[in-house]
């Protein structure tokens, strides 16, 4: 049996790629940053993900986490002064959405892509997947079903939202929750 190929775009943490590899897939992350984990290092492409999604490469699934700085509602008060940056972010999001890959999931917080592209297929919360926290996570899906909750837990703490200011705050806010990564791998992996 051939392993199905999964590309995880804009992931430096290795969390989603590791979850798919644990389920037997040929999963690779791609980010402009180096990966954080030694295990993922052998499965990480550092560079421009748009080169990786060209028709010359064959991927069975793309899961993308495009940067949300200029797209999410939490930054709306700065949109007026960052229109050029926002347009670049929209174009990047749409390049991922229009990639020549059969199955695609794009993750982003609540933001302008609901109007500029379309409403997300699903909005999930970490507490539905074993993490007692709140963080609205939008998923735009192509040829994939919505994720089903795997472990609804108590607790509704907005830990990520209240993270202390600092140079690595954005990294803490952007890491995928392991329970969500495991659900993606266990629910979408068998469809490949």
C-alpha atoms as a PDB file:
ATOM      1  CA  UNK A   1       0.000   0.000   0.000  1.00  0.00           C
ATOM      2  CA  UNK A   2       1.346   3.418  -0.963  1.00  0.00           C
ATOM      3  CA  UNK A   3       1.482   5.986   1.793  1.00  0.00           C
ATOM      4  CA  UNK A   4      -0.642   9.017   1.017  1.00  0.00           C
ATOM      5  CA  UNK A   5       1.160  12.341   0.880  1.00  0.00           C
ATOM      6  CA  UNK A   6       0.121  15.154   3.215  1.00  0.00           C
ATOM      7  CA  UNK A   7       1.501  18.693   3.077  1.00  0.00           C
ATOM      8  CA  UNK A   8       1.041  20.867   6.161  1.00  0.00           C
ATOM      9  CA  UNK A   9       1.577  24.457   5.068  1.00  0.00           C
ATOM     10  CA  UNK A  10       2.789  27.189   7.407  1.00  0.00           C
ATOM     11  CA  UNK A  11       3.608  24.824  10.259  1.00  0.00           C
ATOM     12  CA  UNK A  12       6.868  25.217  12.157  1.00  0.00           C
ATOM     13  CA  UNK A  13       5.774  23.217  15.229  1.00  0.00           C
ATOM     14  CA  UNK A  14       5.483  19.818  13.533  1.00  0.00           C
ATOM     15  CA  UNK A  15       2.357  18.984  15.552  1.00  0.00           C
ATOM     16  CA  UNK A  16       0.012  18.232  12.630  1.00  0.00           C
ATOM     17  CA  UNK A  17       2.655  16.525  10.509  1.00  0.00           C
ATOM     18  CA  UNK A  18       3.646  14.309  13.435  1.00  0.00           C
ATOM     19  CA  UNK A  19      -0.012  13.316  13.994  1.00  0.00           C
ATOM     20  CA  UNK A  20      -0.385  12.215  10.366  1.00  0.00           C
ATOM     21  CA  UNK A  21       2.926  10.323  10.401  1.00  0.00           C
ATOM     22  CA  UNK A  22       1.791   8.534  13.582  1.00  0.00           C
ATOM     23  CA  UNK A  23      -1.176   7.347  11.505  1.00  0.00           C
ATOM     24  CA  UNK A  24       1.057   5.996   8.717  1.00  0.00           C
ATOM     25  CA  UNK A  25       1.052   8.877   6.236  1.00  0.00           C
ATOM     26  CA  UNK A  26       3.924  10.491   4.345  1.00  0.00           C
ATOM     27  CA  UNK A  27       3.400  13.907   5.952  1.00  0.00           C
ATOM     28  CA  UNK A  28       5.600  16.962   5.449  1.00  0.00           C
ATOM     29  CA  UNK A  29       5.459  20.416   6.953  1.00  0.00           C
ATOM     30  CA  UNK A  30       6.560  23.510   5.073  1.00  0.00           C
ATOM     31  CA  UNK A  31       7.290  26.902   6.571  1.00  0.00           C
ATOM     32  CA  UNK A  32       9.706  29.783   6.137  1.00  0.00           C
ATOM     33  CA  UNK A  33      10.894  28.970   9.678  1.00  0.00           C
ATOM     34  CA  UNK A  34      12.833  25.863  10.728  1.00  0.00           C
ATOM     35  CA  UNK A  35      10.844  23.212  12.570  1.00  0.00           C
ATOM     36  CA  UNK A  36      10.876  23.087  16.367  1.00  0.00           C
ATOM     37  CA  UNK A  37      11.171  19.320  16.796  1.00  0.00           C
ATOM     38  CA  UNK A  38      13.993  16.943  15.967  1.00  0.00           C
ATOM     39  CA  UNK A  39      11.584  14.221  14.842  1.00  0.00           C
ATOM     40  CA  UNK A  40       9.904  16.553  12.359  1.00  0.00           C
ATOM     41  CA  UNK A  41      13.204  17.870  11.036  1.00  0.00           C
ATOM     42  CA  UNK A  42      13.501  15.012   8.529  1.00  0.00           C
ATOM     43  CA  UNK A  43       9.993  15.836   7.254  1.00  0.00           C
ATOM     44  CA  UNK A  44      10.193  19.627   7.086  1.00  0.00           C
ATOM     45  CA  UNK A  45      10.628  21.742   3.986  1.00  0.00           C
ATOM     46  CA  UNK A  46      11.909  25.183   4.876  1.00  0.00           C
ATOM     47  CA  UNK A  47      10.941  27.690   2.227  1.00  0.00           C
ATOM     48  CA  UNK A  48       8.066  28.934   0.102  1.00  0.00           C
ATOM     49  CA  UNK A  49       5.060  26.615   0.333  1.00  0.00           C
ATOM     50  CA  UNK A  50       3.671  27.926  -2.975  1.00  0.00           C
ATOM     51  CA  UNK A  51       6.532  26.146  -4.740  1.00  0.00           C
ATOM     52  CA  UNK A  52       5.515  22.907  -3.062  1.00  0.00           C
ATOM     53  CA  UNK A  53       1.885  23.100  -4.192  1.00  0.00           C
ATOM     54  CA  UNK A  54       2.746  23.382  -7.863  1.00  0.00           C
ATOM     55  CA  UNK A  55       1.301  20.793 -10.265  1.00  0.00           C
ATOM     56  CA  UNK A  56       4.778  19.204 -10.414  1.00  0.00           C
ATOM     57  CA  UNK A  57       4.312  17.885  -6.860  1.00  0.00           C
ATOM     58  CA  UNK A  58       1.616  15.381  -6.036  1.00  0.00           C
ATOM     59  CA  UNK A  59      -0.062  15.775  -2.655  1.00  0.00           C
ATOM     60  CA  UNK A  60      -3.196  13.957  -1.531  1.00  0.00           C
ATOM     61  CA  UNK A  61      -4.080  16.465   1.196  1.00  0.00           C
ATOM     62  CA  UNK A  62      -3.123  20.046   2.019  1.00  0.00           C
ATOM     63  CA  UNK A  63      -3.707  21.393   5.519  1.00  0.00           C
ATOM     64  CA  UNK A  64      -2.777  25.067   5.652  1.00  0.00           C
ATOM     65  CA  UNK A  65      -2.353  27.533   8.499  1.00  0.00           C
ATOM     66  CA  UNK A  66      -1.731  30.837   6.681  1.00  0.00           C
ATOM     67  CA  UNK A  67      -0.589  33.744   8.849  1.00  0.00           C
ATOM     68  CA  UNK A  68      -3.605  35.554  10.283  1.00  0.00           C
ATOM     69  CA  UNK A  69      -2.005  38.855  11.333  1.00  0.00           C
ATOM     70  CA  UNK A  70      -3.689  40.864   8.564  1.00  0.00           C
ATOM     71  CA  UNK A  71      -6.828  38.710   8.273  1.00  0.00           C
ATOM     72  CA  UNK A  72      -8.319  38.131  11.738  1.00  0.00           C
ATOM     73  CA  UNK A  73     -10.829  40.395  13.465  1.00  0.00           C
ATOM     74  CA  UNK A  74      -8.558  40.899  16.460  1.00  0.00           C
ATOM     75  CA  UNK A  75      -6.407  43.110  14.216  1.00  0.00           C
ATOM     76  CA  UNK A  76      -9.292  44.992  12.589  1.00  0.00           C
ATOM     77  CA  UNK A  77      -8.383  48.318  14.169  1.00  0.00           C
ATOM     78  CA  UNK A  78      -5.147  48.320  12.119  1.00  0.00           C
ATOM     79  CA  UNK A  79      -6.677  47.254   8.776  1.00  0.00           C
ATOM     80  CA  UNK A  80      -6.977  50.832   7.472  1.00  0.00           C
ATOM     81  CA  UNK A  81      -3.209  51.371   7.725  1.00  0.00           C
ATOM     82  CA  UNK A  82      -2.209  47.921   6.455  1.00  0.00           C
ATOM     83  CA  UNK A  83      -4.210  47.513   3.262  1.00  0.00           C
ATOM     84  CA  UNK A  84      -1.215  46.470   1.161  1.00  0.00           C
ATOM     85  CA  UNK A  85      -0.168  43.810   3.690  1.00  0.00           C
ATOM     86  CA  UNK A  86      -3.754  42.627   3.949  1.00  0.00           C
ATOM     87  CA  UNK A  87      -4.021  42.242   0.173  1.00  0.00           C
ATOM     88  CA  UNK A  88      -0.856  40.097   0.143  1.00  0.00           C
ATOM     89  CA  UNK A  89      -2.321  37.940   2.934  1.00  0.00           C
ATOM     90  CA  UNK A  90      -5.596  37.508   1.033  1.00  0.00           C
ATOM     91  CA  UNK A  91      -3.740  36.501  -2.134  1.00  0.00           C
ATOM     92  CA  UNK A  92      -1.663  33.962  -0.207  1.00  0.00           C
ATOM     93  CA  UNK A  93      -4.790  32.483   1.437  1.00  0.00           C
ATOM     94  CA  UNK A  94      -6.477  32.204  -1.958  1.00  0.00           C
ATOM     95  CA  UNK A  95      -3.411  30.588  -3.549  1.00  0.00           C
ATOM     96  CA  UNK A  96      -3.661  27.885  -0.894  1.00  0.00           C
ATOM     97  CA  UNK A  97      -7.431  27.554  -1.373  1.00  0.00           C
ATOM     98  CA  UNK A  98      -6.976  27.173  -5.139  1.00  0.00           C
ATOM     99  CA  UNK A  99      -4.048  24.739  -4.958  1.00  0.00           C
ATOM    100  CA  UNK A 100      -4.233  21.814  -7.415  1.00  0.00           C
ATOM    101  CA  UNK A 101      -4.831  19.322  -4.591  1.00  0.00           C
ATOM    102  CA  UNK A 102      -7.993  17.213  -4.245  1.00  0.00           C
ATOM    103  CA  UNK A 103      -8.493  17.674  -0.495  1.00  0.00           C
ATOM    104  CA  UNK A 104      -7.749  20.939   1.312  1.00  0.00           C
ATOM    105  CA  UNK A 105      -8.315  22.304   4.810  1.00  0.00           C
ATOM    106  CA  UNK A 106      -7.405  25.900   5.640  1.00  0.00           C
ATOM    107  CA  UNK A 107      -7.375  27.086   9.255  1.00  0.00           C
ATOM    108  CA  UNK A 108      -7.636  30.704  10.378  1.00  0.00           C
ATOM    109  CA  UNK A 109      -9.332  32.654  13.172  1.00  0.00           C
ATOM    110  CA  UNK A 110     -12.567  34.537  12.583  1.00  0.00           C
ATOM    111  CA  UNK A 111     -11.724  37.276  10.128  1.00  0.00           C
ATOM    112  CA  UNK A 112     -12.219  38.853   6.744  1.00  0.00           C
ATOM    113  CA  UNK A 113     -11.933  35.678   4.671  1.00  0.00           C
ATOM    114  CA  UNK A 114     -15.560  34.921   5.517  1.00  0.00           C
ATOM    115  CA  UNK A 115     -16.428  37.899   3.274  1.00  0.00           C
ATOM    116  CA  UNK A 116     -13.512  37.915   0.847  1.00  0.00           C
ATOM    117  CA  UNK A 117     -13.707  34.175   0.110  1.00  0.00           C
ATOM    118  CA  UNK A 118     -16.671  32.432   1.738  1.00  0.00           C
ATOM    119  CA  UNK A 119     -17.960  31.454   5.132  1.00  0.00           C
ATOM    120  CA  UNK A 120     -15.936  28.665   6.772  1.00  0.00           C
ATOM    121  CA  UNK A 121     -17.395  25.183   6.657  1.00  0.00           C
ATOM    122  CA  UNK A 122     -16.881  24.816  10.381  1.00  0.00           C
ATOM    123  CA  UNK A 123     -15.819  26.656  13.524  1.00  0.00           C
ATOM    124  CA  UNK A 124     -14.284  24.446  16.203  1.00  0.00           C
ATOM    125  CA  UNK A 125     -13.042  25.013  19.753  1.00  0.00           C
ATOM    126  CA  UNK A 126     -10.078  23.379  21.565  1.00  0.00           C
ATOM    127  CA  UNK A 127     -12.405  22.185  24.370  1.00  0.00           C
ATOM    128  CA  UNK A 128     -14.086  19.878  21.828  1.00  0.00           C
ATOM    129  CA  UNK A 129     -10.767  18.043  21.407  1.00  0.00           C
ATOM    130  CA  UNK A 130      -9.455  17.613  24.944  1.00  0.00           C
ATOM    131  CA  UNK A 131      -8.118  21.105  25.738  1.00  0.00           C
ATOM    132  CA  UNK A 132     -10.029  23.170  28.325  1.00  0.00           C
ATOM    133  CA  UNK A 133      -9.634  26.397  26.405  1.00  0.00           C
ATOM    134  CA  UNK A 134     -11.553  28.647  24.066  1.00  0.00           C
ATOM    135  CA  UNK A 135     -10.263  29.806  20.707  1.00  0.00           C
ATOM    136  CA  UNK A 136     -12.606  29.993  17.722  1.00  0.00           C
ATOM    137  CA  UNK A 137     -10.889  28.154  14.859  1.00  0.00           C
ATOM    138  CA  UNK A 138     -12.407  28.428  11.389  1.00  0.00           C
ATOM    139  CA  UNK A 139     -11.933  25.635   8.867  1.00  0.00           C
ATOM    140  CA  UNK A 140     -12.480  26.065   5.135  1.00  0.00           C
ATOM    141  CA  UNK A 141     -12.783  22.571   3.677  1.00  0.00           C
ATOM    142  CA  UNK A 142     -12.561  21.141   0.164  1.00  0.00           C
ATOM    143  CA  UNK A 143     -13.593  17.487  -0.256  1.00  0.00           C
ATOM    144  CA  UNK A 144     -13.300  16.901   3.511  1.00  0.00           C
ATOM    145  CA  UNK A 145     -16.036  16.441   6.116  1.00  0.00           C
ATOM    146  CA  UNK A 146     -16.238  18.657   9.196  1.00  0.00           C
ATOM    147  CA  UNK A 147     -14.238  17.409  12.179  1.00  0.00           C
ATOM    148  CA  UNK A 148     -16.247  15.608  14.823  1.00  0.00           C
ATOM    149  CA  UNK A 149     -15.450  16.418  18.484  1.00  0.00           C
ATOM    150  CA  UNK A 150     -13.305  13.713  20.080  1.00  0.00           C
ATOM    151  CA  UNK A 151     -13.088  14.697  23.738  1.00  0.00           C
ATOM    152  CA  UNK A 152     -15.342  17.436  25.113  1.00  0.00           C
ATOM    153  CA  UNK A 153     -13.824  18.694  28.357  1.00  0.00           C
ATOM    154  CA  UNK A 154     -14.649  21.224  31.047  1.00  0.00           C
ATOM    155  CA  UNK A 155     -12.934  24.567  31.130  1.00  0.00           C
ATOM    156  CA  UNK A 156     -13.427  27.552  28.928  1.00  0.00           C
ATOM    157  CA  UNK A 157     -10.241  29.528  29.530  1.00  0.00           C
ATOM    158  CA  UNK A 158      -9.046  31.884  26.774  1.00  0.00           C
ATOM    159  CA  UNK A 159      -5.384  31.133  27.629  1.00  0.00           C
ATOM    160  CA  UNK A 160      -4.076  31.861  24.139  1.00  0.00           C
ATOM    161  CA  UNK A 161      -5.911  35.186  23.981  1.00  0.00           C
ATOM    162  CA  UNK A 162      -4.469  36.272  27.324  1.00  0.00           C
ATOM    163  CA  UNK A 163      -0.897  35.197  26.610  1.00  0.00           C
ATOM    164  CA  UNK A 164       1.691  37.592  27.991  1.00  0.00           C
ATOM    165  CA  UNK A 165       3.190  40.085  25.562  1.00  0.00           C
ATOM    166  CA  UNK A 166       6.605  39.201  24.256  1.00  0.00           C
ATOM    167  CA  UNK A 167       8.585  38.303  21.152  1.00  0.00           C
ATOM    168  CA  UNK A 168       7.294  34.694  21.047  1.00  0.00           C
ATOM    169  CA  UNK A 169       3.628  35.416  21.803  1.00  0.00           C
ATOM    170  CA  UNK A 170       2.671  34.883  18.167  1.00  0.00           C
ATOM    171  CA  UNK A 171       4.302  31.439  18.215  1.00  0.00           C
ATOM    172  CA  UNK A 172       2.324  30.387  21.277  1.00  0.00           C
ATOM    173  CA  UNK A 173      -0.886  31.615  19.676  1.00  0.00           C
ATOM    174  CA  UNK A 174      -0.231  29.878  16.354  1.00  0.00           C
ATOM    175  CA  UNK A 175       0.604  26.334  17.491  1.00  0.00           C
ATOM    176  CA  UNK A 176      -2.077  23.758  16.722  1.00  0.00           C
ATOM    177  CA  UNK A 177      -3.589  22.002  19.716  1.00  0.00           C
ATOM    178  CA  UNK A 178      -2.459  18.325  19.698  1.00  0.00           C
ATOM    179  CA  UNK A 179      -6.042  17.088  20.183  1.00  0.00           C
ATOM    180  CA  UNK A 180      -7.141  18.906  17.026  1.00  0.00           C
ATOM    181  CA  UNK A 181      -4.133  17.571  15.094  1.00  0.00           C
ATOM    182  CA  UNK A 182      -4.966  14.028  16.234  1.00  0.00           C
ATOM    183  CA  UNK A 183      -8.588  14.470  15.123  1.00  0.00           C
ATOM    184  CA  UNK A 184      -7.466  15.700  11.696  1.00  0.00           C
ATOM    185  CA  UNK A 185      -5.191  12.686  11.276  1.00  0.00           C
ATOM    186  CA  UNK A 186      -7.669  10.093  12.540  1.00  0.00           C
ATOM    187  CA  UNK A 187     -10.718  11.506  10.720  1.00  0.00           C
ATOM    188  CA  UNK A 188      -9.273  12.804   7.458  1.00  0.00           C
ATOM    189  CA  UNK A 189      -6.395  10.364   7.071  1.00  0.00           C
ATOM    190  CA  UNK A 190      -8.594   7.328   6.253  1.00  0.00           C
ATOM    191  CA  UNK A 191     -10.240   9.299   3.405  1.00  0.00           C
ATOM    192  CA  UNK A 192      -6.997   9.513   1.486  1.00  0.00           C
END
